[in-house]
């Protein structure tokens, strides 16, 4: 099969993930607090925001962008200037991701809810070229269809490329 996403995917325990997301601590606050169990490859950080690689990516280079304060609602919990600053960073990160990994299209979405993964965050998900249409969009985003198999060294390499593009803009 000529499917660059499916060829690298491995099964993912969605049930265990849901338990962690709903019963565990906030993964973004834990990352910011230095909890080694919530370590991610950080690609950008300033006084107000953080961007880091998804630990369970469905696409190589999938990056999360979040405000540092524990904000839960994507629209109403941010002042307009803070929302626009966050979206400017999402765009900046998306351009760096596109410059770092082969990308046919970039999906941008905010996931989570008050029931799990509540901390506001945006996903920057780069769809690789050559993925058949039936495995794009929702299919490509769902962990139920597996996650990318990559070593910590490979994740660090991808993060370094993204950081280099962010540093260079």
N, C-alpha and C. Protein backbone atom coordinates (compact mmCIF):
# COMPACT_ATOMS: atom_id res chain seq x y z
N UNK A 1 0.85 -1.18 0.00
CA UNK A 1 0.00 0.00 0.00
C UNK A 1 0.89 1.24 0.00
N UNK A 2 0.53 2.23 -0.77
CA UNK A 2 1.30 3.48 -0.82
C UNK A 2 0.62 4.50 0.09
N UNK A 3 0.77 4.30 1.37
CA UNK A 3 0.14 5.19 2.36
C UNK A 3 1.20 5.53 3.40
N UNK A 4 1.85 6.71 3.29
CA UNK A 4 2.95 7.04 4.19
C UNK A 4 2.53 7.14 5.66
N UNK A 5 1.26 7.34 5.94
CA UNK A 5 0.82 7.39 7.33
C UNK A 5 0.63 5.97 7.86
N UNK A 6 -0.14 5.15 7.15
CA UNK A 6 -0.43 3.80 7.63
C UNK A 6 0.81 2.94 7.71
N UNK A 7 1.77 3.16 6.83
CA UNK A 7 2.97 2.34 6.81
C UNK A 7 3.81 2.49 8.07
N UNK A 8 3.65 3.57 8.80
CA UNK A 8 4.44 3.80 10.01
C UNK A 8 3.61 3.73 11.28
N UNK A 9 2.35 3.41 11.19
CA UNK A 9 1.49 3.41 12.37
C UNK A 9 1.53 2.09 13.11
N UNK A 10 1.39 2.21 14.43
CA UNK A 10 1.30 1.05 15.30
C UNK A 10 0.02 1.21 16.12
N UNK A 11 -0.55 0.11 16.62
CA UNK A 11 -1.77 0.21 17.42
C UNK A 11 -1.55 1.09 18.66
N UNK A 12 -2.62 1.70 19.13
CA UNK A 12 -2.58 2.60 20.28
C UNK A 12 -3.70 2.22 21.23
N UNK A 13 -3.39 2.18 22.53
CA UNK A 13 -4.38 1.82 23.54
C UNK A 13 -5.22 3.06 23.88
N UNK A 14 -6.29 3.22 23.14
CA UNK A 14 -7.16 4.40 23.30
C UNK A 14 -7.85 4.38 24.66
N UNK A 15 -8.21 3.23 25.15
CA UNK A 15 -8.90 3.13 26.45
C UNK A 15 -8.00 3.62 27.58
N UNK A 16 -6.76 3.16 27.60
CA UNK A 16 -5.82 3.60 28.65
C UNK A 16 -5.56 5.10 28.53
N UNK A 17 -5.46 5.58 27.30
CA UNK A 17 -5.24 7.01 27.08
C UNK A 17 -6.41 7.82 27.63
N UNK A 18 -7.62 7.37 27.36
CA UNK A 18 -8.80 8.08 27.85
C UNK A 18 -8.82 8.13 29.38
N UNK A 19 -8.46 7.04 30.03
CA UNK A 19 -8.40 7.03 31.50
C UNK A 19 -7.40 8.07 31.99
N UNK A 20 -6.20 8.10 31.38
CA UNK A 20 -5.19 9.11 31.77
C UNK A 20 -5.70 10.52 31.54
N UNK A 21 -6.31 10.75 30.39
CA UNK A 21 -6.78 12.09 30.04
C UNK A 21 -7.89 12.56 30.98
N UNK A 22 -8.72 11.64 31.43
CA UNK A 22 -9.88 12.02 32.24
C UNK A 22 -9.59 11.98 33.74
N UNK A 23 -8.67 11.13 34.17
CA UNK A 23 -8.43 10.96 35.61
C UNK A 23 -7.08 11.48 36.06
N UNK A 24 -6.16 11.64 35.13
CA UNK A 24 -4.82 12.08 35.50
C UNK A 24 -4.75 13.59 35.60
N UNK A 25 -3.57 14.08 35.93
CA UNK A 25 -3.39 15.54 35.99
C UNK A 25 -3.40 16.13 34.58
N UNK A 26 -3.52 17.42 34.51
CA UNK A 26 -3.45 18.13 33.23
C UNK A 26 -2.07 17.89 32.63
N UNK A 27 -2.03 17.35 31.42
CA UNK A 27 -0.73 16.99 30.84
C UNK A 27 0.09 18.23 30.49
N UNK A 28 -0.54 19.33 30.15
CA UNK A 28 0.22 20.54 29.81
C UNK A 28 0.76 21.18 31.09
N UNK A 29 -0.07 21.27 32.12
CA UNK A 29 0.41 21.82 33.39
C UNK A 29 1.53 20.94 33.96
N UNK A 30 1.40 19.61 33.80
CA UNK A 30 2.44 18.70 34.27
C UNK A 30 3.74 18.88 33.50
N UNK A 31 3.64 19.05 32.19
CA UNK A 31 4.82 19.35 31.37
C UNK A 31 5.48 20.64 31.85
N UNK A 32 4.68 21.68 32.02
CA UNK A 32 5.21 22.98 32.45
C UNK A 32 5.81 22.90 33.85
N UNK A 33 5.27 22.00 34.70
CA UNK A 33 5.78 21.84 36.06
C UNK A 33 7.02 20.97 36.14
N UNK A 34 7.46 20.42 35.01
CA UNK A 34 8.69 19.63 34.99
C UNK A 34 8.51 18.17 35.35
N UNK A 35 7.30 17.67 35.40
CA UNK A 35 7.05 16.26 35.72
C UNK A 35 7.65 15.38 34.62
N UNK A 36 8.64 14.53 34.94
CA UNK A 36 9.30 13.72 33.91
C UNK A 36 8.34 12.75 33.21
N UNK A 37 7.25 12.39 33.84
CA UNK A 37 6.27 11.51 33.21
C UNK A 37 5.49 12.19 32.10
N UNK A 38 5.61 13.50 32.03
CA UNK A 38 4.88 14.27 31.02
C UNK A 38 5.85 15.05 30.12
N UNK A 39 7.07 14.55 30.02
CA UNK A 39 8.07 15.21 29.17
C UNK A 39 7.66 15.09 27.70
N UNK A 40 7.84 16.17 26.97
CA UNK A 40 7.61 16.23 25.53
C UNK A 40 8.80 16.95 24.90
N UNK A 41 8.96 16.79 23.61
CA UNK A 41 9.97 17.53 22.86
C UNK A 41 9.43 18.94 22.62
N UNK A 42 9.96 19.90 23.36
CA UNK A 42 9.52 21.29 23.23
C UNK A 42 10.20 21.91 22.02
N UNK A 43 9.39 22.58 21.17
CA UNK A 43 9.95 23.24 19.99
C UNK A 43 9.94 24.76 20.13
N UNK A 44 9.14 25.28 21.08
CA UNK A 44 9.07 26.73 21.28
C UNK A 44 8.53 27.00 22.68
N UNK A 45 9.09 28.04 23.30
CA UNK A 45 8.56 28.46 24.60
C UNK A 45 8.89 29.93 24.78
N UNK A 46 7.91 30.68 25.23
CA UNK A 46 8.13 32.05 25.67
C UNK A 46 7.38 32.23 26.99
N UNK A 47 7.26 33.44 27.45
CA UNK A 47 6.64 33.66 28.77
C UNK A 47 5.15 33.32 28.79
N UNK A 48 4.49 33.27 27.62
CA UNK A 48 3.03 33.05 27.58
C UNK A 48 2.60 31.76 26.93
N UNK A 49 3.48 31.12 26.14
CA UNK A 49 3.08 29.96 25.33
C UNK A 49 4.14 28.87 25.34
N UNK A 50 3.68 27.68 24.95
CA UNK A 50 4.59 26.56 24.73
C UNK A 50 4.10 25.77 23.52
N UNK A 51 5.03 25.22 22.76
CA UNK A 51 4.71 24.35 21.63
C UNK A 51 5.61 23.12 21.74
N UNK A 52 5.02 21.96 21.52
CA UNK A 52 5.76 20.71 21.71
C UNK A 52 5.19 19.62 20.83
N UNK A 53 6.03 18.62 20.53
CA UNK A 53 5.58 17.49 19.72
C UNK A 53 4.57 16.66 20.49
N UNK A 54 3.57 16.20 19.78
CA UNK A 54 2.59 15.26 20.33
C UNK A 54 3.31 13.96 20.67
N UNK A 55 3.09 13.44 21.87
CA UNK A 55 3.73 12.17 22.27
C UNK A 55 3.12 10.97 21.58
N UNK A 56 1.92 11.14 21.08
CA UNK A 56 1.22 10.04 20.40
C UNK A 56 0.74 10.55 19.04
N UNK A 57 1.69 10.90 18.16
CA UNK A 57 1.28 11.55 16.91
C UNK A 57 0.67 10.57 15.90
N UNK A 58 -0.27 11.05 15.16
CA UNK A 58 -0.80 10.28 14.04
C UNK A 58 -0.12 10.70 12.74
N UNK A 59 0.70 11.75 12.81
CA UNK A 59 1.48 12.21 11.66
C UNK A 59 2.82 12.72 12.19
N UNK A 60 3.89 12.44 11.47
CA UNK A 60 5.21 12.91 11.87
C UNK A 60 5.19 14.43 11.92
N UNK A 61 5.66 14.99 13.03
CA UNK A 61 5.71 16.44 13.19
C UNK A 61 4.48 17.05 13.84
N UNK A 62 3.51 16.24 14.19
CA UNK A 62 2.30 16.78 14.82
C UNK A 62 2.71 17.50 16.10
N UNK A 63 2.33 18.76 16.19
CA UNK A 63 2.79 19.65 17.25
C UNK A 63 1.60 20.28 17.95
N UNK A 64 1.71 20.44 19.26
CA UNK A 64 0.66 21.09 20.05
C UNK A 64 1.16 22.47 20.47
N UNK A 65 0.26 23.44 20.45
CA UNK A 65 0.57 24.82 20.83
C UNK A 65 -0.45 25.22 21.89
N UNK A 66 0.05 25.74 23.03
CA UNK A 66 -0.85 26.05 24.14
C UNK A 66 -0.42 27.31 24.87
N UNK A 67 -1.39 28.00 25.45
CA UNK A 67 -1.02 29.06 26.40
C UNK A 67 -0.53 28.40 27.68
N UNK A 68 0.35 29.05 28.40
CA UNK A 68 0.85 28.47 29.65
C UNK A 68 -0.20 28.45 30.76
N UNK A 69 -0.99 29.52 30.93
CA UNK A 69 -2.02 29.43 31.98
C UNK A 69 -3.04 28.34 31.64
N UNK A 70 -3.59 27.71 32.65
CA UNK A 70 -4.59 26.66 32.44
C UNK A 70 -5.91 27.31 32.03
N UNK A 71 -6.05 27.49 30.74
CA UNK A 71 -7.25 28.04 30.13
C UNK A 71 -7.96 26.89 29.44
N UNK A 72 -9.29 26.85 29.53
CA UNK A 72 -9.99 25.69 28.99
C UNK A 72 -10.82 25.97 27.74
N UNK A 73 -11.36 27.14 27.57
CA UNK A 73 -12.23 27.37 26.42
C UNK A 73 -11.50 28.17 25.36
N UNK A 74 -11.54 27.68 24.14
CA UNK A 74 -10.75 28.23 23.06
C UNK A 74 -11.11 29.67 22.68
N UNK A 75 -12.34 30.08 22.93
CA UNK A 75 -12.75 31.41 22.52
C UNK A 75 -13.04 32.31 23.71
N UNK A 76 -13.94 31.89 24.57
CA UNK A 76 -14.41 32.81 25.61
C UNK A 76 -13.46 33.02 26.78
N UNK A 77 -12.47 32.14 26.96
CA UNK A 77 -11.54 32.30 28.09
C UNK A 77 -10.32 33.16 27.77
N UNK A 78 -10.22 33.64 26.55
CA UNK A 78 -9.08 34.47 26.15
C UNK A 78 -9.57 35.85 25.74
N UNK A 79 -8.87 36.88 26.18
CA UNK A 79 -9.11 38.21 25.65
C UNK A 79 -8.74 38.17 24.17
N UNK A 80 -9.32 39.05 23.37
CA UNK A 80 -9.07 39.03 21.94
C UNK A 80 -7.59 39.13 21.61
N UNK A 81 -6.87 39.98 22.29
CA UNK A 81 -5.44 40.14 22.00
C UNK A 81 -4.67 38.86 22.32
N UNK A 82 -5.07 38.16 23.39
CA UNK A 82 -4.42 36.90 23.75
C UNK A 82 -4.76 35.79 22.75
N UNK A 83 -6.01 35.78 22.30
CA UNK A 83 -6.42 34.82 21.28
C UNK A 83 -5.63 35.05 19.99
N UNK A 84 -5.53 36.29 19.57
CA UNK A 84 -4.81 36.61 18.34
C UNK A 84 -3.32 36.30 18.47
N UNK A 85 -2.74 36.53 19.64
CA UNK A 85 -1.33 36.18 19.85
C UNK A 85 -1.13 34.67 19.76
N UNK A 86 -2.05 33.91 20.35
CA UNK A 86 -1.96 32.45 20.29
C UNK A 86 -2.10 31.97 18.85
N UNK A 87 -3.05 32.54 18.11
CA UNK A 87 -3.25 32.12 16.73
C UNK A 87 -2.06 32.51 15.84
N UNK A 88 -1.43 33.64 16.14
CA UNK A 88 -0.23 34.02 15.39
C UNK A 88 0.87 32.99 15.63
N UNK A 89 0.99 32.50 16.86
CA UNK A 89 1.98 31.47 17.15
C UNK A 89 1.62 30.15 16.48
N UNK A 90 0.35 29.79 16.48
CA UNK A 90 -0.09 28.57 15.80
C UNK A 90 0.33 28.63 14.33
N UNK A 91 0.12 29.76 13.69
CA UNK A 91 0.51 29.93 12.29
C UNK A 91 2.02 29.81 12.13
N UNK A 92 2.75 30.46 13.01
CA UNK A 92 4.22 30.41 12.95
C UNK A 92 4.74 28.97 13.11
N UNK A 93 4.17 28.26 14.06
CA UNK A 93 4.55 26.86 14.28
C UNK A 93 4.17 26.02 13.06
N UNK A 94 2.98 26.25 12.51
CA UNK A 94 2.54 25.49 11.33
C UNK A 94 3.49 25.69 10.16
N UNK A 95 3.92 26.92 9.95
CA UNK A 95 4.88 27.18 8.86
C UNK A 95 6.22 26.47 9.12
N UNK A 96 6.66 26.45 10.36
CA UNK A 96 7.90 25.75 10.71
C UNK A 96 7.75 24.24 10.53
N UNK A 97 6.61 23.70 10.92
CA UNK A 97 6.36 22.27 10.73
C UNK A 97 6.37 21.94 9.24
N UNK A 98 5.66 22.76 8.45
CA UNK A 98 5.63 22.51 7.00
C UNK A 98 7.02 22.58 6.37
N UNK A 99 7.88 23.41 6.91
CA UNK A 99 9.25 23.51 6.39
C UNK A 99 10.12 22.36 6.87
N UNK A 100 9.64 21.59 7.84
CA UNK A 100 10.45 20.55 8.48
C UNK A 100 10.10 19.14 8.05
N UNK A 101 8.87 18.90 7.66
CA UNK A 101 8.44 17.57 7.23
C UNK A 101 7.62 17.71 5.96
N UNK A 102 7.67 16.71 5.08
CA UNK A 102 6.86 16.78 3.85
C UNK A 102 5.38 16.92 4.21
N UNK A 103 4.72 17.91 3.62
CA UNK A 103 3.34 18.22 3.99
C UNK A 103 2.53 18.56 2.75
N UNK A 104 1.43 17.84 2.58
CA UNK A 104 0.48 18.17 1.51
C UNK A 104 -0.51 19.22 1.98
N UNK A 105 -0.94 19.09 3.24
CA UNK A 105 -1.92 20.00 3.83
C UNK A 105 -1.70 19.99 5.33
N UNK A 106 -1.96 21.12 5.97
CA UNK A 106 -1.83 21.19 7.42
C UNK A 106 -3.20 21.34 8.04
N UNK A 107 -3.51 20.43 8.96
CA UNK A 107 -4.76 20.51 9.69
C UNK A 107 -4.50 21.26 10.99
N UNK A 108 -5.36 22.22 11.32
CA UNK A 108 -5.29 22.97 12.57
C UNK A 108 -6.60 22.74 13.32
N UNK A 109 -6.49 22.28 14.56
CA UNK A 109 -7.71 22.05 15.33
C UNK A 109 -7.42 22.11 16.81
N UNK A 110 -8.44 22.49 17.54
CA UNK A 110 -8.36 22.50 19.00
C UNK A 110 -9.23 21.36 19.50
N UNK A 111 -8.63 20.47 20.27
CA UNK A 111 -9.36 19.32 20.80
C UNK A 111 -9.37 19.39 22.33
N UNK A 112 -10.01 18.42 22.95
CA UNK A 112 -10.13 18.40 24.40
C UNK A 112 -11.51 18.92 24.80
N UNK A 113 -11.81 18.78 26.06
CA UNK A 113 -13.08 19.28 26.59
C UNK A 113 -12.95 19.35 28.10
N UNK A 114 -13.98 19.82 28.77
CA UNK A 114 -13.98 19.86 30.22
C UNK A 114 -13.86 18.47 30.83
N UNK A 115 -14.13 17.43 30.04
CA UNK A 115 -14.09 16.05 30.54
C UNK A 115 -12.72 15.40 30.43
N UNK A 116 -11.82 15.99 29.66
CA UNK A 116 -10.49 15.41 29.50
C UNK A 116 -9.63 16.26 28.59
N UNK A 117 -8.34 16.32 28.88
CA UNK A 117 -7.42 17.18 28.13
C UNK A 117 -7.99 18.60 28.04
N UNK A 118 -8.41 19.11 29.19
CA UNK A 118 -9.14 20.38 29.25
C UNK A 118 -8.28 21.60 28.92
N UNK A 119 -6.98 21.55 29.18
CA UNK A 119 -6.11 22.71 28.93
C UNK A 119 -6.15 23.04 27.44
N UNK A 120 -6.49 24.25 27.11
CA UNK A 120 -6.58 24.69 25.72
C UNK A 120 -5.27 24.40 24.98
N UNK A 121 -5.40 23.77 23.83
CA UNK A 121 -4.24 23.54 22.98
C UNK A 121 -4.71 23.35 21.54
N UNK A 122 -3.85 23.78 20.63
CA UNK A 122 -4.10 23.61 19.20
C UNK A 122 -3.20 22.53 18.66
N UNK A 123 -3.72 21.71 17.77
CA UNK A 123 -2.95 20.69 17.08
C UNK A 123 -2.56 21.23 15.71
N UNK A 124 -1.29 21.10 15.39
CA UNK A 124 -0.77 21.39 14.06
C UNK A 124 -0.42 20.02 13.49
N UNK A 125 -1.21 19.54 12.55
CA UNK A 125 -1.09 18.17 12.07
C UNK A 125 -0.76 18.17 10.58
N UNK A 126 0.49 17.87 10.21
CA UNK A 126 0.90 17.91 8.80
C UNK A 126 0.60 16.60 8.07
N UNK A 127 -0.34 16.65 7.15
CA UNK A 127 -0.67 15.48 6.35
C UNK A 127 0.43 15.27 5.31
N UNK A 128 1.06 14.09 5.32
CA UNK A 128 2.12 13.85 4.33
C UNK A 128 1.54 13.72 2.92
N UNK A 129 2.34 14.04 1.91
CA UNK A 129 1.90 13.82 0.53
C UNK A 129 1.68 12.33 0.28
N UNK A 130 0.76 12.02 -0.61
CA UNK A 130 0.56 10.63 -1.04
C UNK A 130 -0.42 9.83 -0.21
N UNK A 131 -1.01 10.39 0.82
CA UNK A 131 -1.98 9.64 1.60
C UNK A 131 -3.28 9.55 0.79
N UNK A 132 -3.79 8.34 0.57
CA UNK A 132 -5.04 8.21 -0.19
C UNK A 132 -6.16 9.01 0.49
N UNK A 133 -7.05 9.55 -0.32
CA UNK A 133 -8.09 10.43 0.21
C UNK A 133 -8.88 9.79 1.36
N UNK A 134 -9.19 8.53 1.26
CA UNK A 134 -9.97 7.84 2.29
C UNK A 134 -9.25 7.73 3.63
N UNK A 135 -7.94 7.99 3.65
CA UNK A 135 -7.16 7.95 4.89
C UNK A 135 -6.69 9.33 5.32
N UNK A 136 -7.27 10.35 4.74
CA UNK A 136 -6.97 11.72 5.12
C UNK A 136 -8.00 12.21 6.14
N UNK A 137 -7.93 13.46 6.47
CA UNK A 137 -8.86 14.17 7.33
C UNK A 137 -9.09 13.43 8.65
N UNK A 138 -10.33 13.12 8.99
CA UNK A 138 -10.62 12.51 10.29
C UNK A 138 -9.84 11.21 10.49
N UNK A 139 -9.79 10.38 9.46
CA UNK A 139 -9.09 9.11 9.57
C UNK A 139 -7.63 9.32 9.99
N UNK A 140 -6.96 10.27 9.34
CA UNK A 140 -5.54 10.51 9.61
C UNK A 140 -5.31 11.07 11.02
N UNK A 141 -6.30 11.73 11.58
CA UNK A 141 -6.16 12.36 12.90
C UNK A 141 -6.45 11.41 14.06
N UNK A 142 -7.16 10.33 13.82
CA UNK A 142 -7.66 9.48 14.90
C UNK A 142 -6.63 8.47 15.40
N UNK A 143 -6.35 8.52 16.70
CA UNK A 143 -5.42 7.55 17.28
C UNK A 143 -5.98 6.13 17.21
N UNK A 144 -7.28 6.00 17.07
CA UNK A 144 -7.90 4.69 16.92
C UNK A 144 -7.35 3.95 15.70
N UNK A 145 -6.82 4.70 14.75
CA UNK A 145 -6.24 4.12 13.54
C UNK A 145 -4.73 3.92 13.67
N UNK A 146 -4.22 4.06 14.89
CA UNK A 146 -2.81 3.86 15.16
C UNK A 146 -2.07 5.17 15.27
N UNK A 147 -0.87 5.10 15.83
CA UNK A 147 -0.01 6.27 15.98
C UNK A 147 1.32 5.98 15.29
N UNK A 148 2.03 7.05 14.97
CA UNK A 148 3.32 6.92 14.30
C UNK A 148 4.31 6.23 15.22
N UNK A 149 4.99 5.26 14.70
CA UNK A 149 6.05 4.57 15.42
C UNK A 149 7.34 5.35 15.19
N UNK A 150 7.86 5.95 16.25
CA UNK A 150 9.13 6.66 16.11
C UNK A 150 9.92 6.56 17.40
N UNK A 151 11.20 6.50 17.27
CA UNK A 151 12.09 6.43 18.43
C UNK A 151 12.19 7.81 19.06
N UNK A 152 12.63 7.88 20.32
CA UNK A 152 12.87 9.20 20.93
C UNK A 152 13.90 10.00 20.13
N UNK A 153 14.88 9.33 19.55
CA UNK A 153 15.89 10.02 18.76
C UNK A 153 15.27 10.65 17.51
N UNK A 154 14.37 9.93 16.88
CA UNK A 154 13.69 10.46 15.69
C UNK A 154 12.81 11.66 16.07
N UNK A 155 12.10 11.57 17.19
CA UNK A 155 11.28 12.70 17.66
C UNK A 155 12.17 13.91 17.94
N UNK A 156 13.33 13.67 18.56
CA UNK A 156 14.25 14.77 18.86
C UNK A 156 14.76 15.41 17.57
N UNK A 157 15.01 14.60 16.55
CA UNK A 157 15.47 15.12 15.27
C UNK A 157 14.40 16.00 14.61
N UNK A 158 13.16 15.54 14.62
CA UNK A 158 12.06 16.32 14.05
C UNK A 158 11.89 17.62 14.83
N UNK A 159 11.93 17.53 16.15
CA UNK A 159 11.80 18.73 17.00
C UNK A 159 12.92 19.73 16.70
N UNK A 160 14.13 19.24 16.52
CA UNK A 160 15.27 20.12 16.23
C UNK A 160 15.07 20.85 14.91
N UNK A 161 14.54 20.15 13.90
CA UNK A 161 14.28 20.80 12.62
C UNK A 161 13.22 21.89 12.76
N UNK A 162 12.15 21.59 13.51
CA UNK A 162 11.10 22.59 13.72
C UNK A 162 11.65 23.79 14.47
N UNK A 163 12.43 23.53 15.54
CA UNK A 163 13.04 24.62 16.31
C UNK A 163 13.92 25.50 15.42
N UNK A 164 14.69 24.87 14.54
CA UNK A 164 15.59 25.62 13.67
C UNK A 164 14.80 26.56 12.76
N UNK A 165 13.67 26.10 12.26
CA UNK A 165 12.83 26.97 11.42
C UNK A 165 12.17 28.07 12.24
N UNK A 166 11.81 27.78 13.46
CA UNK A 166 11.22 28.81 14.32
C UNK A 166 12.28 29.85 14.70
N UNK A 167 13.47 29.38 14.97
CA UNK A 167 14.57 30.30 15.33
C UNK A 167 14.97 31.18 14.15
N UNK A 168 14.79 30.65 12.94
CA UNK A 168 15.24 31.37 11.76
C UNK A 168 14.22 32.33 11.19
N UNK A 169 12.99 32.32 11.70
CA UNK A 169 12.00 33.23 11.09
C UNK A 169 12.00 34.61 11.69
